[in-house]
């Protein structure tokens, strides 16, 4: 038997390492044995079951299970005699195949409300954690292509456990987890697209899905789309799939909701506008209760990120576009209710985390030992924060305080990590009765 070529063997080792990291992440993400969800993710929790049971996107059969003591249900809307999701359906459609065993179990044992709540909560948790774990594997493969194996491993661990990939992306079917996965795939496709057209096709599909999965991610989708559109070898296959996929989702939004923005068109924009851009920028980045640099302090390295640190012109171009996308997101989110509602930490930036990690990779790779040690220390702090969120949030109920008293978002003693840790660990699991 012929010996494996060194490059092929190395590729196999990289893939196995990526799979190993994904398995570890999946286990860690499920270690708390409970979903961390809010009403925003409820349509994604129940839509796959609706599809399996009725073959439709109608949610009225799950009204009792979905209205878990919240009173007014804001996550669905009446439309032509049915209840439909007010939120995009990209994520629930993607995870529908994963719900097949759950749908079969319910069809055999009965679709009573209590059983549906338990099963759907477990499936939401498992589906979200699988999406996040797959994104971890892809990010390792992305990073190994632009940094040393040691740096790739360090930053993959930082991405998996030191950011909201853990407490947001992996814990419930928010749109963010899918956004992270799609962006990670695009970053993986970018250096391969010029040689193989299929990677441009894949990137086109992912960029379109990013925008329709979470319209706010459309800014990052446009930024990375420009990378493919501006290259002679990639623009045609990229646009072929991006335009086709976009047309499908636009047609759906217009046909069902009568608006290109889908269910978001029915929401009151005034409710989500912040007072000033300065307040929003500061809140998003350094608020002691929601700031990106507080919950993931190693991302302060973004302030020193530069396209010049990348060796290849194509990488420099992509870095410029990713930075532009992040700046646009910061500006837009700064004019919203930047605290993000009932959630742990800087939820709004979750979908762009792969870009942030990619941008700091060459900087971390070039660090000497003292600086690298400091970066690892900051990553350790971030992991501690996320672990506290996974096992303790929201035991203190600080989200209610933030909503009622805006000033508490700026006071260090109201940091949710400290408050939740003091309040104690959440004991309920997805195997118990869920609300």
Protein backbone atom coordinates (compact mmCIF):
# COMPACT_ATOMS: atom_id res chain seq x y z
CA UNK A 1 0.00 0.00 0.00
CA UNK A 2 1.38 3.37 -1.00
CA UNK A 3 2.30 5.77 1.74
CA UNK A 4 0.11 8.82 2.23
CA UNK A 5 1.50 12.07 0.95
CA UNK A 6 2.55 14.33 3.88
CA UNK A 7 0.14 17.07 2.81
CA UNK A 8 -2.77 14.64 2.59
CA UNK A 9 -1.88 13.18 5.98
CA UNK A 10 -1.68 16.65 7.46
CA UNK A 11 -5.07 17.51 5.97
CA UNK A 12 -6.50 14.37 7.54
CA UNK A 13 -5.02 15.30 10.92
CA UNK A 14 -6.49 18.78 10.62
CA UNK A 15 -9.93 17.42 9.84
CA UNK A 16 -9.74 14.96 12.73
CA UNK A 17 -8.62 17.76 15.04
CA UNK A 18 -11.53 19.91 13.87
CA UNK A 19 -13.98 17.06 14.49
CA UNK A 20 -12.48 16.50 17.93
CA UNK A 21 -12.90 20.18 18.82
CA UNK A 22 -16.50 20.07 17.63
CA UNK A 23 -17.26 17.02 19.78
CA UNK A 24 -15.70 18.65 22.84
CA UNK A 25 -17.65 21.85 22.18
CA UNK A 26 -20.92 19.92 21.77
CA UNK A 27 -20.39 18.15 25.09
CA UNK A 28 -19.50 21.39 26.91
CA UNK A 29 -22.43 23.26 25.39
CA UNK A 30 -24.83 20.62 26.73
CA UNK A 31 -23.19 20.24 30.15
CA UNK A 32 -25.69 22.60 31.78
CA UNK A 33 -28.57 20.36 30.61
CA UNK A 34 -30.90 23.25 29.82
CA UNK A 35 -31.65 25.70 27.03
CA UNK A 36 -31.09 29.40 27.63
CA UNK A 37 -33.89 30.81 25.50
CA UNK A 38 -36.30 33.70 25.23
CA UNK A 39 -39.42 34.32 23.19
CA UNK A 40 -37.37 35.38 20.16
CA UNK A 41 -36.31 31.78 19.61
CA UNK A 42 -39.68 30.11 20.27
CA UNK A 43 -40.85 30.07 16.63
CA UNK A 44 -37.61 28.30 15.65
CA UNK A 45 -38.20 25.84 18.50
CA UNK A 46 -41.69 24.86 17.32
CA UNK A 47 -41.68 25.39 13.54
CA UNK A 48 -39.83 22.13 12.77
CA UNK A 49 -42.49 20.23 14.71
CA UNK A 50 -45.23 22.09 12.84
CA UNK A 51 -43.61 21.12 9.54
CA UNK A 52 -43.37 17.46 10.52
CA UNK A 53 -46.89 17.33 11.93
CA UNK A 54 -48.87 19.43 9.45
CA UNK A 55 -46.57 20.08 6.50
CA UNK A 56 -47.13 23.82 7.01
CA UNK A 57 -45.53 26.79 8.76
CA UNK A 58 -48.63 27.41 10.88
CA UNK A 59 -48.07 27.59 14.62
CA UNK A 60 -51.58 27.79 16.05
CA UNK A 61 -51.46 24.11 17.06
CA UNK A 62 -48.65 25.04 19.45
CA UNK A 63 -50.22 28.17 20.96
CA UNK A 64 -50.61 26.64 24.42
CA UNK A 65 -47.07 25.28 24.42
CA UNK A 66 -45.57 28.54 23.13
CA UNK A 67 -47.36 30.90 25.49
CA UNK A 68 -45.38 29.98 28.58
CA UNK A 69 -46.69 32.57 30.96
CA UNK A 70 -45.52 35.56 28.92
CA UNK A 71 -49.03 36.92 28.36
CA UNK A 72 -48.83 38.80 25.07
CA UNK A 73 -47.09 36.64 22.51
CA UNK A 74 -44.94 38.90 20.34
CA UNK A 75 -43.08 36.20 18.43
CA UNK A 76 -46.04 35.18 16.25
CA UNK A 77 -48.56 37.17 14.24
CA UNK A 78 -52.01 36.38 12.83
CA UNK A 79 -52.06 36.03 9.05
CA UNK A 80 -54.93 34.75 6.92
CA UNK A 81 -56.48 32.84 9.77
CA UNK A 82 -53.23 31.28 10.99
CA UNK A 83 -50.46 32.09 13.44
CA UNK A 84 -47.08 32.48 11.72
CA UNK A 85 -43.59 33.34 12.92
CA UNK A 86 -42.76 37.02 13.11
CA UNK A 87 -39.10 36.07 12.77
CA UNK A 88 -37.21 34.68 9.74
CA UNK A 89 -37.56 30.95 9.17
CA UNK A 90 -34.09 30.15 7.78
CA UNK A 91 -32.86 28.63 11.04
CA UNK A 92 -35.94 26.46 11.76
CA UNK A 93 -35.94 25.16 8.19
CA UNK A 94 -32.27 24.21 8.43
CA UNK A 95 -32.79 22.22 11.63
CA UNK A 96 -36.07 20.57 10.60
CA UNK A 97 -34.35 17.29 9.57
CA UNK A 98 -32.84 17.05 13.07
CA UNK A 99 -36.36 17.05 14.53
CA UNK A 100 -37.41 13.85 12.72
CA UNK A 101 -36.88 11.55 15.76
CA UNK A 102 -38.71 13.99 18.03
CA UNK A 103 -41.66 14.23 15.64
CA UNK A 104 -41.82 10.44 15.41
CA UNK A 105 -41.73 10.12 19.20
CA UNK A 106 -44.55 12.63 19.62
CA UNK A 107 -46.65 10.99 16.92
CA UNK A 108 -46.34 7.70 18.80
CA UNK A 109 -46.88 9.01 22.33
CA UNK A 110 -49.22 11.94 21.73
CA UNK A 111 -48.88 15.67 21.12
CA UNK A 112 -50.05 16.90 24.50
CA UNK A 113 -48.77 20.30 25.59
CA UNK A 114 -46.56 19.14 28.45
CA UNK A 115 -44.77 16.56 26.33
CA UNK A 116 -44.38 18.96 23.42
CA UNK A 117 -42.78 21.57 25.69
CA UNK A 118 -40.23 19.10 27.03
CA UNK A 119 -39.34 17.59 23.69
CA UNK A 120 -39.17 20.91 21.85
CA UNK A 121 -36.95 22.47 24.54
CA UNK A 122 -34.54 19.54 24.32
CA UNK A 123 -34.49 19.64 20.53
CA UNK A 124 -33.89 23.37 20.46
CA UNK A 125 -30.95 22.96 22.80
CA UNK A 126 -29.42 20.02 20.90
CA UNK A 127 -29.93 21.64 17.50
CA UNK A 128 -28.42 24.95 18.58
CA UNK A 129 -25.42 23.27 20.19
CA UNK A 130 -24.84 21.18 17.06
CA UNK A 131 -24.89 24.29 14.86
CA UNK A 132 -22.40 26.02 17.17
CA UNK A 133 -20.16 22.95 17.39
CA UNK A 134 -20.00 22.63 13.60
CA UNK A 135 -19.04 26.30 13.37
CA UNK A 136 -16.21 25.60 15.82
CA UNK A 137 -14.85 22.85 13.56
CA UNK A 138 -15.02 25.08 10.50
CA UNK A 139 -13.35 27.98 12.29
CA UNK A 140 -10.43 25.74 13.22
CA UNK A 141 -10.00 24.80 9.55
CA UNK A 142 -10.25 28.48 8.61
CA UNK A 143 -7.65 29.54 11.18
CA UNK A 144 -5.21 26.75 10.39
CA UNK A 145 -4.97 28.24 6.91
CA UNK A 146 -3.83 31.67 8.10
CA UNK A 147 -1.98 30.99 11.36
CA UNK A 148 0.23 28.45 13.08
CA UNK A 149 -1.40 25.31 14.53
CA UNK A 150 -0.87 26.66 18.07
CA UNK A 151 -2.52 29.98 17.30
CA UNK A 152 -5.35 28.26 15.44
CA UNK A 153 -6.04 26.06 18.46
CA UNK A 154 -5.89 28.96 20.93
CA UNK A 155 -8.26 31.11 18.90
CA UNK A 156 -10.63 28.24 18.19
CA UNK A 157 -10.91 27.65 21.93
CA UNK A 158 -11.43 31.38 22.41
CA UNK A 159 -14.15 31.41 19.77
CA UNK A 160 -15.90 28.32 21.14
CA UNK A 161 -15.79 29.09 24.86
CA UNK A 162 -14.74 32.72 25.30
CA UNK A 163 -17.47 34.42 23.28
CA UNK A 164 -21.25 34.41 23.05
CA UNK A 165 -20.94 31.42 20.76
CA UNK A 166 -21.36 29.51 24.03
CA UNK A 167 -24.15 31.26 25.92
CA UNK A 168 -26.07 32.62 22.93
CA UNK A 169 -25.29 30.61 19.80
CA UNK A 170 -25.22 27.14 21.36
CA UNK A 171 -28.01 27.43 23.92
CA UNK A 172 -31.09 28.27 21.86
CA UNK A 173 -32.18 28.72 18.27
CA UNK A 174 -31.52 32.42 18.12
CA UNK A 175 -30.62 33.55 14.61
CA UNK A 176 -27.06 34.24 15.76
CA UNK A 177 -25.80 30.67 15.84
CA UNK A 178 -26.79 30.06 12.24
CA UNK A 179 -25.27 33.40 11.28
CA UNK A 180 -21.97 32.35 12.83
CA UNK A 181 -22.01 29.04 10.96
CA UNK A 182 -22.79 30.69 7.63
CA UNK A 183 -20.05 33.31 8.03
CA UNK A 184 -17.54 30.63 9.05
CA UNK A 185 -18.37 28.70 5.88
CA UNK A 186 -17.86 31.84 3.78
CA UNK A 187 -14.45 32.43 5.37
CA UNK A 188 -13.55 28.80 4.60
CA UNK A 189 -14.70 29.21 1.00
CA UNK A 190 -12.90 32.52 0.37
CA UNK A 191 -9.35 31.23 -0.26
CA UNK A 192 -10.65 28.30 -2.33
CA UNK A 193 -13.17 30.08 -4.54
CA UNK A 194 -10.74 31.28 -7.22
CA UNK A 195 -9.61 27.71 -7.91
CA UNK A 196 -12.94 25.91 -7.62
CA UNK A 197 -16.19 27.52 -8.69
CA UNK A 198 -18.26 25.42 -6.31
CA UNK A 199 -16.84 27.33 -3.36
CA UNK A 200 -18.09 30.56 -4.92
CA UNK A 201 -21.48 28.90 -5.25
CA UNK A 202 -21.40 27.87 -1.60
CA UNK A 203 -20.39 31.38 -0.54
CA UNK A 204 -23.23 32.86 -2.60
CA UNK A 205 -25.79 30.65 -0.88
CA UNK A 206 -24.40 31.42 2.55
CA UNK A 207 -24.28 35.19 2.03
CA UNK A 208 -27.89 35.22 0.89
CA UNK A 209 -28.97 33.08 3.84
CA UNK A 210 -27.06 35.34 6.25
CA UNK A 211 -29.10 38.33 5.16
CA UNK A 212 -32.46 36.55 5.27
CA UNK A 213 -31.71 34.65 8.46
CA UNK A 214 -31.00 37.89 10.33
CA UNK A 215 -31.40 41.08 8.28
CA UNK A 216 -28.96 42.92 10.57
CA UNK A 217 -26.31 40.47 9.35
CA UNK A 218 -26.98 41.79 5.86
CA UNK A 219 -24.25 44.39 6.37
CA UNK A 220 -21.64 41.68 6.91
CA UNK A 221 -23.15 39.67 4.07
CA UNK A 222 -22.71 42.63 1.72
CA UNK A 223 -19.13 43.13 2.91
CA UNK A 224 -18.06 39.55 2.23
CA UNK A 225 -20.09 39.45 -0.98
CA UNK A 226 -17.95 42.29 -2.30
CA UNK A 227 -14.89 40.07 -1.89
CA UNK A 228 -16.29 37.56 -4.38
CA UNK A 229 -17.95 40.06 -6.71
CA UNK A 230 -14.72 42.03 -7.20
CA UNK A 231 -12.74 39.02 -8.43
CA UNK A 232 -12.83 37.97 -12.07
CA UNK A 233 -12.84 34.23 -11.32
CA UNK A 234 -15.51 34.24 -8.63
CA UNK A 235 -18.16 36.84 -9.41
CA UNK A 236 -20.21 34.81 -11.89
CA UNK A 237 -20.66 31.60 -9.85
CA UNK A 238 -21.10 33.64 -6.68
CA UNK A 239 -23.85 35.82 -8.10
CA UNK A 240 -25.56 32.87 -9.76
CA UNK A 241 -26.38 31.27 -6.42
CA UNK A 242 -26.60 34.45 -4.33
CA UNK A 243 -29.18 36.04 -6.63
CA UNK A 244 -31.17 32.83 -6.99
CA UNK A 245 -31.29 32.21 -3.25
CA UNK A 246 -32.17 35.84 -2.56
CA UNK A 247 -34.98 35.73 -5.11
CA UNK A 248 -36.48 32.69 -3.39
CA UNK A 249 -36.50 34.35 0.03
CA UNK A 250 -37.71 37.70 -1.30
CA UNK A 251 -40.59 35.92 -3.04
CA UNK A 252 -41.46 34.14 0.21
CA UNK A 253 -41.43 37.34 2.28
CA UNK A 254 -43.56 39.22 -0.22
CA UNK A 255 -45.99 36.35 -0.76
CA UNK A 256 -46.49 35.60 2.93
CA UNK A 257 -45.98 38.95 4.67
CA UNK A 258 -46.42 41.42 1.82
CA UNK A 259 -43.02 43.02 2.56
CA UNK A 260 -39.43 42.30 1.57
CA UNK A 261 -38.42 42.40 5.25
CA UNK A 262 -40.93 39.70 6.18
CA UNK A 263 -42.43 39.72 9.67
CA UNK A 264 -40.10 42.50 10.78
CA UNK A 265 -42.26 44.93 8.78
CA UNK A 266 -44.96 44.56 11.44
CA UNK A 267 -42.69 45.64 14.28
CA UNK A 268 -42.61 49.20 15.59
CA UNK A 269 -39.19 50.66 14.72
CA UNK A 270 -39.49 53.43 17.29
CA UNK A 271 -39.43 50.90 20.11
CA UNK A 272 -35.92 49.82 19.17
CA UNK A 273 -34.21 53.21 18.67
CA UNK A 274 -31.55 54.31 21.16
CA UNK A 275 -31.07 57.84 22.40
CA UNK A 276 -27.66 58.65 20.95
CA UNK A 277 -25.03 56.92 18.84
CA UNK A 278 -22.33 57.65 21.44
CA UNK A 279 -24.37 55.95 24.15
CA UNK A 280 -24.89 52.98 21.86
CA UNK A 281 -21.26 52.58 20.79
CA UNK A 282 -20.02 52.81 24.37
CA UNK A 283 -22.71 50.43 25.56
CA UNK A 284 -21.98 47.83 22.89
CA UNK A 285 -18.24 47.88 23.55
CA UNK A 286 -17.53 48.75 27.18
CA UNK A 287 -20.74 48.68 29.21
CA UNK A 288 -19.97 46.61 32.35
CA UNK A 289 -23.18 44.68 31.83
CA UNK A 290 -23.27 44.14 28.04
CA UNK A 291 -19.96 45.33 26.55
CA UNK A 292 -18.15 43.14 24.02
CA UNK A 293 -14.74 44.04 25.47
CA UNK A 294 -15.97 43.23 28.98
CA UNK A 295 -17.40 39.78 28.26
CA UNK A 296 -14.69 38.84 25.73
CA UNK A 297 -11.75 41.08 26.73
CA UNK A 298 -9.30 39.39 24.36
CA UNK A 299 -11.26 40.97 21.50
CA UNK A 300 -9.62 44.27 22.47
CA UNK A 301 -7.02 43.01 19.99
CA UNK A 302 -9.42 44.13 17.27
CA UNK A 303 -8.25 47.69 18.00
CA UNK A 304 -4.84 46.65 16.68
CA UNK A 305 -6.11 44.53 13.80
CA UNK A 306 -4.83 45.67 10.41
CA UNK A 307 -5.11 44.36 6.84
CA UNK A 308 -1.35 44.94 6.55
CA UNK A 309 -0.71 42.03 8.89
CA UNK A 310 -1.96 39.57 6.27
CA UNK A 311 0.66 38.36 3.75
CA UNK A 312 -1.53 37.99 0.66
CA UNK A 313 -3.34 40.71 -1.28
CA UNK A 314 -6.59 38.73 -1.31
CA UNK A 315 -6.41 38.39 2.47
CA UNK A 316 -5.76 42.11 2.83
CA UNK A 317 -8.81 42.84 0.67
CA UNK A 318 -10.99 40.51 2.72
CA UNK A 319 -9.71 42.07 5.96
CA UNK A 320 -10.65 45.56 4.75
CA UNK A 321 -14.15 44.38 3.88
CA UNK A 322 -14.65 42.54 7.17
CA UNK A 323 -13.54 45.60 9.13
CA UNK A 324 -15.97 47.72 7.11
CA UNK A 325 -18.75 45.27 7.88
CA UNK A 326 -18.00 45.38 11.61
CA UNK A 327 -17.92 49.18 11.65
CA UNK A 328 -21.26 49.35 9.83
CA UNK A 329 -22.77 46.92 12.32
CA UNK A 330 -21.44 48.95 15.23
CA UNK A 331 -23.01 52.13 13.82
CA UNK A 332 -26.38 50.52 13.16
CA UNK A 333 -26.55 48.65 16.46
CA UNK A 334 -25.55 51.81 18.32
CA UNK A 335 -28.84 53.38 17.23
CA UNK A 336 -30.89 50.48 18.60
CA UNK A 337 -31.76 49.33 22.08
CA UNK A 338 -28.21 48.03 22.26
CA UNK A 339 -28.64 46.01 25.47
CA UNK A 340 -30.40 43.39 23.35
CA UNK A 341 -33.32 42.65 25.65
CA UNK A 342 -33.35 39.55 27.82
CA UNK A 343 -30.03 37.94 26.91
CA UNK A 344 -26.54 37.28 28.23
CA UNK A 345 -23.85 39.79 27.31
CA UNK A 346 -23.25 41.33 23.87
CA UNK A 347 -25.77 39.28 21.89
CA UNK A 348 -25.95 41.55 18.84
CA UNK A 349 -22.35 40.92 17.79
CA UNK A 350 -22.63 37.13 17.98
CA UNK A 351 -23.16 36.58 14.26
CA UNK A 352 -19.94 38.43 13.41
CA UNK A 353 -17.66 36.59 15.83
CA UNK A 354 -16.00 34.48 13.09
CA UNK A 355 -14.89 37.69 11.36
CA UNK A 356 -13.49 39.10 14.60
CA UNK A 357 -11.49 35.95 15.31
CA UNK A 358 -10.20 35.84 11.72
CA UNK A 359 -9.05 39.45 11.89
CA UNK A 360 -6.96 39.03 15.03
CA UNK A 361 -5.33 35.74 13.97
CA UNK A 362 -2.16 37.19 12.36
CA UNK A 363 -1.72 39.56 15.31
CA UNK A 364 -1.85 36.73 17.84
CA UNK A 365 0.39 34.64 15.60
CA UNK A 366 3.11 37.29 15.66
CA UNK A 367 3.07 37.87 19.42
CA UNK A 368 6.12 37.22 21.56
CA UNK A 369 5.74 35.10 24.69
CA UNK A 370 4.78 37.85 27.22
CA UNK A 371 2.09 39.29 24.98
CA UNK A 372 0.83 35.84 24.04
CA UNK A 373 0.59 34.97 27.73
CA UNK A 374 -1.45 38.15 28.32
CA UNK A 375 -3.77 37.25 25.42
CA UNK A 376 -4.28 33.74 26.80
CA UNK A 377 -5.03 35.24 30.23
CA UNK A 378 -7.73 37.44 28.70
CA UNK A 379 -9.16 34.42 26.91
CA UNK A 380 -9.28 32.58 30.24
CA UNK A 381 -11.24 35.48 31.77
CA UNK A 382 -13.67 35.37 28.85
CA UNK A 383 -14.15 31.62 29.26
CA UNK A 384 -14.87 32.11 32.97
CA UNK A 385 -17.53 34.70 32.13
CA UNK A 386 -19.17 32.43 29.58
CA UNK A 387 -19.08 29.45 31.93
CA UNK A 388 -20.82 31.54 34.57
CA UNK A 389 -23.44 32.46 31.99
CA UNK A 390 -23.98 28.86 30.96
CA UNK A 391 -24.51 27.57 34.48
CA UNK A 392 -25.82 30.59 36.43
CA UNK A 393 -27.62 32.96 34.04
CA UNK A 394 -30.32 34.27 34.61
CA UNK A 395 -30.59 33.35 38.27
CA UNK A 396 -30.44 36.96 39.48
CA UNK A 397 -33.07 38.25 37.06
CA UNK A 398 -30.97 41.28 36.18
CA UNK A 399 -32.53 41.61 32.73
CA UNK A 400 -35.71 42.92 34.34
CA UNK A 401 -33.65 45.50 36.24
CA UNK A 402 -31.84 46.58 33.07
CA UNK A 403 -35.16 47.07 31.29
CA UNK A 404 -36.65 49.15 34.08
CA UNK A 405 -33.56 51.11 35.15
CA UNK A 406 -31.34 51.95 32.17
CA UNK A 407 -28.61 53.43 34.38
CA UNK A 408 -27.87 50.01 35.88
CA UNK A 409 -26.37 48.98 32.52
CA UNK A 410 -23.47 51.28 33.37
CA UNK A 411 -22.84 50.28 36.98
CA UNK A 412 -20.21 47.53 37.52
CA UNK A 413 -21.99 46.12 40.57
CA UNK A 414 -24.94 45.19 38.34
CA UNK A 415 -22.82 43.03 36.07
CA UNK A 416 -24.95 39.94 35.39
CA UNK A 417 -22.04 37.52 35.85
CA UNK A 418 -21.36 38.75 39.37
CA UNK A 419 -25.04 38.95 40.27
CA UNK A 420 -25.90 35.52 38.84
CA UNK A 421 -22.92 33.87 40.51
CA UNK A 422 -24.01 35.34 43.83
CA UNK A 423 -27.62 34.25 43.25
CA UNK A 424 -26.60 30.64 42.63
CA UNK A 425 -26.60 28.04 39.92
CA UNK A 426 -29.71 27.25 37.88
CA UNK A 427 -30.92 23.80 38.91
CA UNK A 428 -33.63 23.22 36.30
CA UNK A 429 -32.75 21.03 33.32
CA UNK A 430 -34.43 20.30 30.01
CA UNK A 431 -35.57 16.99 31.48
CA UNK A 432 -37.67 18.80 34.07
CA UNK A 433 -40.93 20.56 33.43
CA UNK A 434 -40.19 23.61 31.27
CA UNK A 435 -42.11 26.82 31.27
